[in-house]
Amino acid sequence: FPVPILGQINLTFAPDAVNPSDDPAVQFSTGGRRVNFTIPAN
């Protein structure tokens, strides 16, 4: 792409357990459920 790209990945989790619950361990290794990245021009 001719210009830099700024990106973001958002993570969501929908449990499907017999006793459903969110799992806080489901996240990025950097912490949280959102992570930013860049792709340099070209």
Full PDB file with SEQRES, HELIX, SHEET, SSBOND, CRYST1, ORIGX, SCALE, CONECT and MASTER records, all heavy atoms in Angstrom:
SEQRES   1 A   42  PHE PRO VAL PRO ILE LEU GLY GLN ILE ASN LEU THR PHE          
SEQRES   2 A   42  ALA PRO ASP ALA VAL ASN PRO SER ASP ASP PRO ALA VAL          
SEQRES   3 A   42  GLN PHE SER THR GLY GLY ARG ARG VAL ASN PHE THR ILE          
SEQRES   4 A   42  PRO ALA ASN                                                  
SHEET    1 AA1 2 ILE A   5  ASN A  10  0                                        
SHEET    2 AA1 2 ARG A  34  ILE A  39 -1                                        
CRYST1    1.000    1.000    1.000  90.00  90.00  90.00 P 1           1          
ORIGX1      1.000000  0.000000  0.000000        0.00000                         
ORIGX2      0.000000  1.000000  0.000000        0.00000                         
ORIGX3      0.000000  0.000000  1.000000        0.00000                         
SCALE1      1.000000  0.000000  0.000000        0.00000                         
SCALE2      0.000000  1.000000  0.000000        0.00000                         
SCALE3      0.000000  0.000000  1.000000        0.00000                         
ATOM      1  N   PHE A   1       0.868  -1.162   0.000  1.00  0.00           N  
ATOM      2  CA  PHE A   1       0.000   0.000   0.000  1.00  0.00           C  
ATOM      3  C   PHE A   1       0.907   1.214   0.000  1.00  0.00           C  
ATOM      4  O   PHE A   1       1.939   1.210   0.682  1.00  0.00           O  
ATOM      5  CB  PHE A   1      -0.899  -0.026   1.236  1.00  0.00           C  
ATOM      6  CG  PHE A   1      -2.231   0.637   1.057  1.00  0.00           C  
ATOM      7  CD1 PHE A   1      -3.128   0.169   0.106  1.00  0.00           C  
ATOM      8  CD2 PHE A   1      -2.592   1.724   1.829  1.00  0.00           C  
ATOM      9  CE1 PHE A   1      -4.365   0.765  -0.052  1.00  0.00           C  
ATOM     10  CE2 PHE A   1      -3.831   2.323   1.676  1.00  0.00           C  
ATOM     11  CZ  PHE A   1      -4.723   1.847   0.730  1.00  0.00           C  
ATOM     12  N   PRO A   2       0.597   2.277  -0.717  1.00  0.00           N  
ATOM     13  CA  PRO A   2       1.558   3.371  -0.888  1.00  0.00           C  
ATOM     14  C   PRO A   2       1.784   4.236   0.347  1.00  0.00           C  
ATOM     15  O   PRO A   2       2.731   5.032   0.375  1.00  0.00           O  
ATOM     16  CB  PRO A   2       0.952   4.191  -2.029  1.00  0.00           C  
ATOM     17  CG  PRO A   2      -0.509   3.889  -1.986  1.00  0.00           C  
ATOM     18  CD  PRO A   2      -0.607   2.456  -1.537  1.00  0.00           C  
ATOM     19  N   VAL A   3       0.932   4.128   1.359  1.00  0.00           N  
ATOM     20  CA  VAL A   3       1.105   4.910   2.593  1.00  0.00           C  
ATOM     21  C   VAL A   3       1.050   3.949   3.778  1.00  0.00           C  
ATOM     22  O   VAL A   3       0.543   2.828   3.659  1.00  0.00           O  
ATOM     23  CB  VAL A   3       0.007   5.985   2.731  1.00  0.00           C  
ATOM     24  CG1 VAL A   3       0.128   7.026   1.624  1.00  0.00           C  
ATOM     25  CG2 VAL A   3      -1.375   5.351   2.741  1.00  0.00           C  
ATOM     26  N   PRO A   4       1.593   4.379   4.946  1.00  0.00           N  
ATOM     27  CA  PRO A   4       1.531   3.490   6.115  1.00  0.00           C  
ATOM     28  C   PRO A   4       0.093   3.170   6.507  1.00  0.00           C  
ATOM     29  O   PRO A   4      -0.813   3.995   6.371  1.00  0.00           O  
ATOM     30  CB  PRO A   4       2.230   4.309   7.215  1.00  0.00           C  
ATOM     31  CG  PRO A   4       3.069   5.301   6.480  1.00  0.00           C  
ATOM     32  CD  PRO A   4       2.309   5.631   5.225  1.00  0.00           C  
ATOM     33  N   ILE A   5      -0.096   1.969   6.994  1.00  0.00           N  
ATOM     34  CA  ILE A   5      -1.402   1.523   7.480  1.00  0.00           C  
ATOM     35  C   ILE A   5      -1.335   1.381   8.999  1.00  0.00           C  
ATOM     36  O   ILE A   5      -0.397   0.788   9.533  1.00  0.00           O  
ATOM     37  CB  ILE A   5      -1.791   0.174   6.855  1.00  0.00           C  
ATOM     38  CG1 ILE A   5      -1.973   0.313   5.341  1.00  0.00           C  
ATOM     39  CG2 ILE A   5      -3.079  -0.367   7.485  1.00  0.00           C  
ATOM     40  CD1 ILE A   5      -2.196  -1.011   4.640  1.00  0.00           C  
ATOM     41  N   LEU A   6      -2.306   1.960   9.671  1.00  0.00           N  
ATOM     42  CA  LEU A   6      -2.460   1.783  11.112  1.00  0.00           C  
ATOM     43  C   LEU A   6      -3.593   0.797  11.338  1.00  0.00           C  
ATOM     44  O   LEU A   6      -4.703   0.984  10.825  1.00  0.00           O  
ATOM     45  CB  LEU A   6      -2.771   3.117  11.794  1.00  0.00           C  
ATOM     46  CG  LEU A   6      -1.774   4.257  11.557  1.00  0.00           C  
ATOM     47  CD1 LEU A   6      -2.220   5.512  12.295  1.00  0.00           C  
ATOM     48  CD2 LEU A   6      -0.376   3.857  12.010  1.00  0.00           C  
ATOM     49  N   GLY A   7      -3.302  -0.250  12.079  1.00  0.00           N  
ATOM     50  CA  GLY A   7      -4.306  -1.283  12.279  1.00  0.00           C  
ATOM     51  C   GLY A   7      -4.551  -1.572  13.748  1.00  0.00           C  
ATOM     52  O   GLY A   7      -3.743  -1.225  14.623  1.00  0.00           O  
ATOM     53  N   GLN A   8      -5.660  -2.205  14.000  1.00  0.00           N  
ATOM     54  CA  GLN A   8      -6.041  -2.595  15.355  1.00  0.00           C  
ATOM     55  C   GLN A   8      -6.799  -3.916  15.274  1.00  0.00           C  
ATOM     56  O   GLN A   8      -7.656  -4.090  14.410  1.00  0.00           O  
ATOM     57  CB  GLN A   8      -6.914  -1.521  15.993  1.00  0.00           C  
ATOM     58  CG  GLN A   8      -7.266  -1.772  17.450  1.00  0.00           C  
ATOM     59  CD  GLN A   8      -8.095  -0.619  18.018  1.00  0.00           C  
ATOM     60  OE1 GLN A   8      -9.305  -0.605  17.874  1.00  0.00           O  
ATOM     61  NE2 GLN A   8      -7.425   0.338  18.635  1.00  0.00           N  
ATOM     62  N   ILE A   9      -6.449  -4.841  16.174  1.00  0.00           N  
ATOM     63  CA  ILE A   9      -7.196  -6.098  16.276  1.00  0.00           C  
ATOM     64  C   ILE A   9      -7.991  -6.074  17.568  1.00  0.00           C  
ATOM     65  O   ILE A   9      -7.424  -5.855  18.658  1.00  0.00           O  
ATOM     66  CB  ILE A   9      -6.264  -7.316  16.262  1.00  0.00           C  
ATOM     67  CG1 ILE A   9      -5.345  -7.300  15.038  1.00  0.00           C  
ATOM     68  CG2 ILE A   9      -7.087  -8.603  16.267  1.00  0.00           C  
ATOM     69  CD1 ILE A   9      -4.347  -8.443  15.012  1.00  0.00           C  
ATOM     70  N   ASN A  10      -9.282  -6.285  17.463  1.00  0.00           N  
ATOM     71  CA  ASN A  10     -10.151  -6.371  18.630  1.00  0.00           C  
ATOM     72  C   ASN A  10     -10.570  -7.822  18.839  1.00  0.00           C  
ATOM     73  O   ASN A  10     -10.951  -8.511  17.886  1.00  0.00           O  
ATOM     74  CB  ASN A  10     -11.387  -5.489  18.447  1.00  0.00           C  
ATOM     75  CG  ASN A  10     -11.044  -4.019  18.448  1.00  0.00           C  
ATOM     76  OD1 ASN A  10     -10.632  -3.480  19.460  1.00  0.00           O  
ATOM     77  ND2 ASN A  10     -11.190  -3.370  17.298  1.00  0.00           N  
ATOM     78  N   LEU A  11     -10.500  -8.267  20.078  1.00  0.00           N  
ATOM     79  CA  LEU A  11     -10.832  -9.643  20.443  1.00  0.00           C  
ATOM     80  C   LEU A  11     -12.112  -9.657  21.257  1.00  0.00           C  
ATOM     81  O   LEU A  11     -12.282  -8.870  22.192  1.00  0.00           O  
ATOM     82  CB  LEU A  11      -9.680 -10.249  21.237  1.00  0.00           C  
ATOM     83  CG  LEU A  11      -9.773 -11.704  21.712  1.00  0.00           C  
ATOM     84  CD1 LEU A  11      -8.369 -12.270  21.945  1.00  0.00           C  
ATOM     85  CD2 LEU A  11     -10.582 -11.855  23.000  1.00  0.00           C  
ATOM     86  N   THR A  12     -13.014 -10.555  20.906  1.00  0.00           N  
ATOM     87  CA  THR A  12     -14.207 -10.809  21.719  1.00  0.00           C  
ATOM     88  C   THR A  12     -14.305 -12.301  21.982  1.00  0.00           C  
ATOM     89  O   THR A  12     -13.796 -13.121  21.210  1.00  0.00           O  
ATOM     90  CB  THR A  12     -15.486 -10.310  21.030  1.00  0.00           C  
ATOM     91  OG1 THR A  12     -15.632 -10.965  19.765  1.00  0.00           O  
ATOM     92  CG2 THR A  12     -15.448  -8.805  20.825  1.00  0.00           C  
ATOM     93  N   PHE A  13     -14.974 -12.654  23.070  1.00  0.00           N  
ATOM     94  CA  PHE A  13     -15.128 -14.064  23.438  1.00  0.00           C  
ATOM     95  C   PHE A  13     -16.566 -14.334  23.816  1.00  0.00           C  
ATOM     96  O   PHE A  13     -17.148 -13.627  24.652  1.00  0.00           O  
ATOM     97  CB  PHE A  13     -14.204 -14.428  24.600  1.00  0.00           C  
ATOM     98  CG  PHE A  13     -14.369 -15.845  25.082  1.00  0.00           C  
ATOM     99  CD1 PHE A  13     -14.071 -16.908  24.249  1.00  0.00           C  
ATOM    100  CD2 PHE A  13     -14.839 -16.124  26.363  1.00  0.00           C  
ATOM    101  CE1 PHE A  13     -14.235 -18.223  24.666  1.00  0.00           C  
ATOM    102  CE2 PHE A  13     -15.000 -17.431  26.803  1.00  0.00           C  
ATOM    103  CZ  PHE A  13     -14.698 -18.481  25.946  1.00  0.00           C  
ATOM    104  N   ALA A  14     -17.158 -15.363  23.204  1.00  0.00           N  
ATOM    105  CA  ALA A  14     -18.523 -15.800  23.522  1.00  0.00           C  
ATOM    106  C   ALA A  14     -18.455 -17.211  24.089  1.00  0.00           C  
ATOM    107  O   ALA A  14     -18.176 -18.157  23.349  1.00  0.00           O  
ATOM    108  CB  ALA A  14     -19.399 -15.762  22.280  1.00  0.00           C  
ATOM    109  N   PRO A  15     -18.659 -17.394  25.401  1.00  0.00           N  
ATOM    110  CA  PRO A  15     -18.535 -18.731  25.995  1.00  0.00           C  
ATOM    111  C   PRO A  15     -19.639 -19.660  25.548  1.00  0.00           C  
ATOM    112  O   PRO A  15     -20.753 -19.235  25.233  1.00  0.00           O  
ATOM    113  CB  PRO A  15     -18.624 -18.440  27.502  1.00  0.00           C  
ATOM    114  CG  PRO A  15     -19.385 -17.165  27.604  1.00  0.00           C  
ATOM    115  CD  PRO A  15     -19.018 -16.366  26.386  1.00  0.00           C  
ATOM    116  N   ASP A  16     -19.310 -20.955  25.503  1.00  0.00           N  
ATOM    117  CA  ASP A  16     -20.282 -22.006  25.173  1.00  0.00           C  
ATOM    118  C   ASP A  16     -20.005 -23.207  26.066  1.00  0.00           C  
ATOM    119  O   ASP A  16     -19.710 -24.294  25.607  1.00  0.00           O  
ATOM    120  CB  ASP A  16     -20.181 -22.393  23.701  1.00  0.00           C  
ATOM    121  CG  ASP A  16     -21.159 -23.497  23.320  1.00  0.00           C  
ATOM    122  OD1 ASP A  16     -22.237 -23.560  23.929  1.00  0.00           O  
ATOM    123  OD2 ASP A  16     -20.816 -24.313  22.437  1.00  0.00           O  
ATOM    124  N   ALA A  17     -20.088 -22.991  27.359  1.00  0.00           N  
ATOM    125  CA  ALA A  17     -19.832 -24.042  28.336  1.00  0.00           C  
ATOM    126  C   ALA A  17     -21.145 -24.479  28.977  1.00  0.00           C  
ATOM    127  O   ALA A  17     -22.161 -23.792  28.886  1.00  0.00           O  
ATOM    128  CB  ALA A  17     -18.865 -23.545  29.411  1.00  0.00           C  
ATOM    129  N   VAL A  18     -21.120 -25.628  29.644  1.00  0.00           N  
ATOM    130  CA  VAL A  18     -22.296 -26.074  30.396  1.00  0.00           C  
ATOM    131  C   VAL A  18     -22.645 -25.044  31.455  1.00  0.00           C  
ATOM    132  O   VAL A  18     -23.819 -24.694  31.665  1.00  0.00           O  
ATOM    133  CB  VAL A  18     -22.030 -27.445  31.037  1.00  0.00           C  
ATOM    134  CG1 VAL A  18     -23.207 -27.848  31.932  1.00  0.00           C  
ATOM    135  CG2 VAL A  18     -21.801 -28.506  29.967  1.00  0.00           C  
ATOM    136  N   ASN A  19     -21.623 -24.554  32.142  1.00  0.00           N  
ATOM    137  CA  ASN A  19     -21.765 -23.452  33.087  1.00  0.00           C  
ATOM    138  C   ASN A  19     -21.004 -22.263  32.509  1.00  0.00           C  
ATOM    139  O   ASN A  19     -19.822 -22.071  32.805  1.00  0.00           O  
ATOM    140  CB  ASN A  19     -21.218 -23.847  34.459  1.00  0.00           C  
ATOM    141  CG  ASN A  19     -22.011 -24.980  35.085  1.00  0.00           C  
ATOM    142  OD1 ASN A  19     -23.167 -24.811  35.459  1.00  0.00           O  
ATOM    143  ND2 ASN A  19     -21.407 -26.162  35.176  1.00  0.00           N  
ATOM    144  N   PRO A  20     -21.640 -21.474  31.625  1.00  0.00           N  
ATOM    145  CA  PRO A  20     -20.912 -20.467  30.849  1.00  0.00           C  
ATOM    146  C   PRO A  20     -20.371 -19.335  31.705  1.00  0.00           C  
ATOM    147  O   PRO A  20     -20.974 -18.931  32.694  1.00  0.00           O  
ATOM    148  CB  PRO A  20     -21.966 -19.967  29.854  1.00  0.00           C  
ATOM    149  CG  PRO A  20     -23.276 -20.249  30.509  1.00  0.00           C  
ATOM    150  CD  PRO A  20     -23.073 -21.493  31.305  1.00  0.00           C  
ATOM    151  N   SER A  21     -19.219 -18.851  31.293  1.00  0.00           N  
ATOM    152  CA  SER A  21     -18.594 -17.709  31.949  1.00  0.00           C  
ATOM    153  C   SER A  21     -17.540 -17.145  31.021  1.00  0.00           C  
ATOM    154  O   SER A  21     -16.900 -17.886  30.264  1.00  0.00           O  
ATOM    155  CB  SER A  21     -17.948 -18.127  33.278  1.00  0.00           C  
ATOM    156  OG  SER A  21     -17.195 -17.056  33.835  1.00  0.00           O  
ATOM    157  N   ASP A  22     -17.362 -15.841  31.065  1.00  0.00           N  
ATOM    158  CA  ASP A  22     -16.235 -15.254  30.352  1.00  0.00           C  
ATOM    159  C   ASP A  22     -14.952 -15.801  30.962  1.00  0.00           C  
ATOM    160  O   ASP A  22     -14.921 -16.211  32.127  1.00  0.00           O  
ATOM    161  CB  ASP A  22     -16.271 -13.730  30.482  1.00  0.00           C  
ATOM    162  CG  ASP A  22     -15.222 -13.046  29.611  1.00  0.00           C  
ATOM    163  OD1 ASP A  22     -14.790 -13.654  28.612  1.00  0.00           O  
ATOM    164  OD2 ASP A  22     -14.838 -11.913  29.933  1.00  0.00           O  
ATOM    165  N   ASP A  23     -13.888 -15.834  30.149  1.00  0.00           N  
ATOM    166  CA  ASP A  23     -12.590 -16.311  30.625  1.00  0.00           C  
ATOM    167  C   ASP A  23     -11.593 -15.174  30.465  1.00  0.00           C  
ATOM    168  O   ASP A  23     -11.179 -14.860  29.344  1.00  0.00           O  
ATOM    169  CB  ASP A  23     -12.154 -17.528  29.816  1.00  0.00           C  
ATOM    170  CG  ASP A  23     -10.863 -18.145  30.340  1.00  0.00           C  
ATOM    171  OD1 ASP A  23     -10.248 -17.549  31.247  1.00  0.00           O  
ATOM    172  OD2 ASP A  23     -10.467 -19.218  29.850  1.00  0.00           O  
ATOM    173  N   PRO A  24     -11.192 -14.526  31.567  1.00  0.00           N  
ATOM    174  CA  PRO A  24     -10.253 -13.401  31.446  1.00  0.00           C  
ATOM    175  C   PRO A  24      -8.907 -13.795  30.883  1.00  0.00           C  
ATOM    176  O   PRO A  24      -8.143 -12.937  30.447  1.00  0.00           O  
ATOM    177  CB  PRO A  24     -10.137 -12.881  32.886  1.00  0.00           C  
ATOM    178  CG  PRO A  24     -10.570 -14.018  33.747  1.00  0.00           C  
ATOM    179  CD  PRO A  24     -11.584 -14.775  32.961  1.00  0.00           C  
ATOM    180  N   ALA A  25      -8.595 -15.095  30.871  1.00  0.00           N  
ATOM    181  CA  ALA A  25      -7.331 -15.548  30.279  1.00  0.00           C  
ATOM    182  C   ALA A  25      -7.348 -15.423  28.764  1.00  0.00           C  
ATOM    183  O   ALA A  25      -6.293 -15.470  28.126  1.00  0.00           O  
ATOM    184  CB  ALA A  25      -7.033 -16.987  30.678  1.00  0.00           C  
ATOM    185  N   VAL A  26      -8.537 -15.282  28.168  1.00  0.00           N  
ATOM    186  CA  VAL A  26      -8.633 -15.092  26.717  1.00  0.00           C  
ATOM    187  C   VAL A  26      -8.297 -13.641  26.417  1.00  0.00           C  
ATOM    188  O   VAL A  26      -9.140 -12.740  26.566  1.00  0.00           O  
ATOM    189  CB  VAL A  26     -10.031 -15.453  26.190  1.00  0.00           C  
ATOM    190  CG1 VAL A  26     -10.107 -15.208  24.687  1.00  0.00           C  
ATOM    191  CG2 VAL A  26     -10.377 -16.894  26.509  1.00  0.00           C  
ATOM    192  N   GLN A  27      -7.076 -13.400  26.023  1.00  0.00           N  
ATOM    193  CA  GLN A  27      -6.612 -12.055  25.745  1.00  0.00           C  
ATOM    194  C   GLN A  27      -5.309 -12.144  24.950  1.00  0.00           C  
ATOM    195  O   GLN A  27      -4.788 -13.240  24.716  1.00  0.00           O  
ATOM    196  CB  GLN A  27      -6.372 -11.277  27.044  1.00  0.00           C  
ATOM    197  CG  GLN A  27      -5.324 -11.893  27.955  1.00  0.00           C  
ATOM    198  CD  GLN A  27      -5.029 -11.030  29.166  1.00  0.00           C  
ATOM    199  OE1 GLN A  27      -4.908  -9.814  29.066  1.00  0.00           O  
ATOM    200  NE2 GLN A  27      -4.939 -11.661  30.334  1.00  0.00           N  
ATOM    201  N   PHE A  28      -4.786 -11.001  24.550  1.00  0.00           N  
ATOM    202  CA  PHE A  28      -3.505 -10.984  23.857  1.00  0.00           C  
ATOM    203  C   PHE A  28      -2.372 -11.123  24.867  1.00  0.00           C  
ATOM    204  O   PHE A  28      -2.516 -10.778  26.049  1.00  0.00           O  
ATOM    205  CB  PHE A  28      -3.348  -9.694  23.058  1.00  0.00           C  
ATOM    206  CG  PHE A  28      -4.288  -9.589  21.896  1.00  0.00           C  
ATOM    207  CD1 PHE A  28      -5.343  -8.683  21.914  1.00  0.00           C  
ATOM    208  CD2 PHE A  28      -4.136 -10.401  20.777  1.00  0.00           C  
ATOM    209  CE1 PHE A  28      -6.221  -8.588  20.852  1.00  0.00           C  
ATOM    210  CE2 PHE A  28      -5.007 -10.313  19.702  1.00  0.00           C  
ATOM    211  CZ  PHE A  28      -6.059  -9.405  19.745  1.00  0.00           C  
ATOM    212  N   SER A  29      -1.254 -11.638  24.403  1.00  0.00           N  
ATOM    213  CA  SER A  29      -0.100 -11.835  25.291  1.00  0.00           C  
ATOM    214  C   SER A  29       0.437 -10.519  25.828  1.00  0.00           C  
ATOM    215  O   SER A  29       1.128 -10.494  26.847  1.00  0.00           O  
ATOM    216  CB  SER A  29       1.016 -12.584  24.551  1.00  0.00           C  
ATOM    217  OG  SER A  29       1.400 -11.884  23.375  1.00  0.00           O  
ATOM    218  N   THR A  30       0.105  -9.416  25.153  1.00  0.00           N  
ATOM    219  CA  THR A  30       0.520  -8.098  25.626  1.00  0.00           C  
ATOM    220  C   THR A  30      -0.441  -7.538  26.668  1.00  0.00           C  
ATOM    221  O   THR A  30      -0.215  -6.460  27.209  1.00  0.00           O  
ATOM    222  CB  THR A  30       0.617  -7.125  24.438  1.00  0.00           C  
ATOM    223  OG1 THR A  30      -0.595  -7.206  23.666  1.00  0.00           O  
ATOM    224  CG2 THR A  30       1.796  -7.461  23.550  1.00  0.00           C  
ATOM    225  N   GLY A  31      -1.529  -8.262  26.945  1.00  0.00           N  
ATOM    226  CA  GLY A  31      -2.527  -7.822  27.913  1.00  0.00           C  
ATOM    227  C   GLY A  31      -3.720  -7.177  27.233  1.00  0.00           C  
ATOM    228  O   GLY A  31      -3.578  -6.419  26.265  1.00  0.00           O  
ATOM    229  N   GLY A  32      -4.897  -7.482  27.724  1.00  0.00           N  
ATOM    230  CA  GLY A  32      -6.106  -6.882  27.183  1.00  0.00           C  
ATOM    231  C   GLY A  32      -6.587  -7.551  25.908  1.00  0.00           C  
ATOM    232  O   GLY A  32      -6.001  -8.519  25.411  1.00  0.00           O  
ATOM    233  N   ARG A  33      -7.669  -7.010  25.368  1.00  0.00           N  
ATOM    234  CA  ARG A  33      -8.322  -7.586  24.195  1.00  0.00           C  
ATOM    235  C   ARG A  33      -8.281  -6.650  22.991  1.00  0.00           C  
ATOM    236  O   ARG A  33      -9.128  -6.715  22.102  1.00  0.00           O  
ATOM    237  CB  ARG A  33      -9.762  -7.976  24.541  1.00  0.00           C  
ATOM    238  CG  ARG A  33      -9.814  -9.117  25.560  1.00  0.00           C  
ATOM    239  CD  ARG A  33     -11.214  -9.595  25.854  1.00  0.00           C  
ATOM    240  NE  ARG A  33     -11.170 -10.821  26.659  1.00  0.00           N  
ATOM    241  CZ  ARG A  33     -12.249 -11.477  27.079  1.00  0.00           C  
ATOM    242  NH1 ARG A  33     -13.464 -11.029  26.771  1.00  0.00           N  
ATOM    243  NH2 ARG A  33     -12.107 -12.585  27.796  1.00  0.00           N  
ATOM    244  N   ARG A  34      -7.260  -5.811  22.967  1.00  0.00           N  
ATOM    245  CA  ARG A  34      -7.055  -4.928  21.828  1.00  0.00           C  
ATOM    246  C   ARG A  34      -5.561  -4.759  21.634  1.00  0.00           C  
ATOM    247  O   ARG A  34      -4.810  -4.574  22.603  1.00  0.00           O  
ATOM    248  CB  ARG A  34      -7.722  -3.574  22.063  1.00  0.00           C  
ATOM    249  CG  ARG A  34      -7.521  -2.561  20.944  1.00  0.00           C  
ATOM    250  CD  ARG A  34      -8.279  -1.280  21.240  1.00  0.00           C  
ATOM    251  NE  ARG A  34      -9.723  -1.507  21.309  1.00  0.00           N  
ATOM    252  CZ  ARG A  34     -10.603  -0.566  21.645  1.00  0.00           C  
ATOM    253  NH1 ARG A  34     -10.186   0.650  21.987  1.00  0.00           N  
ATOM    254  NH2 ARG A  34     -11.891  -0.847  21.668  1.00  0.00           N  
ATOM    255  N   VAL A  35      -5.126  -4.824  20.381  1.00  0.00           N  
ATOM    256  CA  VAL A  35      -3.711  -4.655  20.088  1.00  0.00           C  
ATOM    257  C   VAL A  35      -3.572  -3.861  18.793  1.00  0.00           C  
ATOM    258  O   VAL A  35      -4.358  -4.037  17.849  1.00  0.00           O  
ATOM    259  CB  VAL A  35      -2.988  -6.021  19.981  1.00  0.00           C  
ATOM    260  CG1 VAL A  35      -3.487  -6.825  18.807  1.00  0.00           C  
ATOM    261  CG2 VAL A  35      -1.484  -5.841  19.914  1.00  0.00           C  
ATOM    262  N   ASN A  36      -2.590  -2.950  18.754  1.00  0.00           N  
ATOM    263  CA  ASN A  36      -2.354  -2.101  17.598  1.00  0.00           C  
ATOM    264  C   ASN A  36      -1.154  -2.599  16.797  1.00  0.00           C  
ATOM    265  O   ASN A  36      -0.240  -3.228  17.346  1.00  0.00           O  
ATOM    266  CB  ASN A  36      -2.106  -0.657  18.026  1.00  0.00           C  
ATOM    267  CG  ASN A  36      -3.307  -0.048  18.721  1.00  0.00           C  
ATOM    268  OD1 ASN A  36      -4.445  -0.245  18.318  1.00  0.00           O  
ATOM    269  ND2 ASN A  36      -3.051   0.699  19.788  1.00  0.00           N  
ATOM    270  N   PHE A  37      -1.161  -2.297  15.515  1.00  0.00           N  
ATOM    271  CA  PHE A  37      -0.021  -2.641  14.662  1.00  0.00           C  
ATOM    272  C   PHE A  37       0.089  -1.617  13.546  1.00  0.00           C  
ATOM    273  O   PHE A  37      -0.830  -0.813  13.301  1.00  0.00           O  
ATOM    274  CB  PHE A  37      -0.158  -4.055  14.078  1.00  0.00           C  
ATOM    275  CG  PHE A  37      -1.327  -4.236  13.145  1.00  0.00           C  
ATOM    276  CD1 PHE A  37      -1.219  -3.950  11.788  1.00  0.00           C  
ATOM    277  CD2 PHE A  37      -2.552  -4.701  13.620  1.00  0.00           C  
ATOM    278  CE1 PHE A  37      -2.295  -4.116  10.919  1.00  0.00           C  
ATOM    279  CE2 PHE A  37      -3.631  -4.877  12.761  1.00  0.00           C  
ATOM    280  CZ  PHE A  37      -3.501  -4.576  11.406  1.00  0.00           C  
ATOM    281  N   THR A  38       1.216  -1.623  12.864  1.00  0.00           N  
ATOM    282  CA  THR A  38       1.416  -0.781  11.686  1.00  0.00           C  
ATOM    283  C   THR A  38       1.988  -1.626  10.555  1.00  0.00           C  
ATOM    284  O   THR A  38       2.701  -2.601  10.797  1.00  0.00           O  
ATOM    285  CB  THR A  38       2.381   0.387  11.977  1.00  0.00           C  
ATOM    286  OG1 THR A  38       3.652  -0.143  12.373  1.00  0.00           O  
ATOM    287  CG2 THR A  38       1.842   1.290  13.074  1.00  0.00           C  
ATOM    288  N   ILE A  39       1.638  -1.248   9.336  1.00  0.00           N  
ATOM    289  CA  ILE A  39       2.268  -1.807   8.141  1.00  0.00           C  
ATOM    290  C   ILE A  39       2.908  -0.633   7.410  1.00  0.00           C  
ATOM    291  O   ILE A  39       2.201   0.299   7.002  1.00  0.00           O  
ATOM    292  CB  ILE A  39       1.266  -2.527   7.233  1.00  0.00           C  
ATOM    293  CG1 ILE A  39       0.619  -3.709   7.972  1.00  0.00           C  
ATOM    294  CG2 ILE A  39       1.943  -3.020   5.957  1.00  0.00           C  
ATOM    295  CD1 ILE A  39      -0.431  -4.451   7.160  1.00  0.00           C  
ATOM    296  N   PRO A  40       4.226  -0.607   7.282  1.00  0.00           N  
ATOM    297  CA  PRO A  40       4.873   0.557   6.651  1.00  0.00           C  
ATOM    298  C   PRO A  40       4.466   0.709   5.189  1.00  0.00           C  
ATOM    299  O   PRO A  40       4.013  -0.245   4.548  1.00  0.00           O  
ATOM    300  CB  PRO A  40       6.367   0.240   6.798  1.00  0.00           C  
ATOM    301  CG  PRO A  40       6.438  -1.236   6.945  1.00  0.00           C  
ATOM    302  CD  PRO A  40       5.197  -1.641   7.663  1.00  0.00           C  
ATOM    303  N   ALA A  41       4.612   1.917   4.677  1.00  0.00           N  
ATOM    304  CA  ALA A  41       4.312   2.175   3.268  1.00  0.00           C  
ATOM    305  C   ALA A  41       5.090   1.191   2.394  1.00  0.00           C  
ATOM    306  O   ALA A  41       6.278   0.949   2.612  1.00  0.00           O  
ATOM    307  CB  ALA A  41       4.680   3.611   2.908  1.00  0.00           C  
ATOM    308  N   ASN A  42       4.384   0.615   1.429  1.00  0.00           N  
ATOM    309  CA  ASN A  42       4.958  -0.367   0.493  1.00  0.00           C  
ATOM    310  C   ASN A  42       5.408  -1.649   1.182  1.00  0.00           C  
ATOM    311  O   ASN A  42       6.111  -2.459   0.588  1.00  0.00           O  
ATOM    312  CB  ASN A  42       6.119   0.242  -0.298  1.00  0.00           C  
ATOM    313  CG  ASN A  42       5.691   1.462  -1.092  1.00  0.00           C  
ATOM    314  OD1 ASN A  42       4.671   1.428  -1.781  1.00  0.00           O  
ATOM    315  ND2 ASN A  42       6.458   2.547  -0.971  1.00  0.00           N  
TER     316      ASN A  42                                                      
MASTER        0    0    0    0    2    0    0    6  315    1    0    4          
END                                                                             
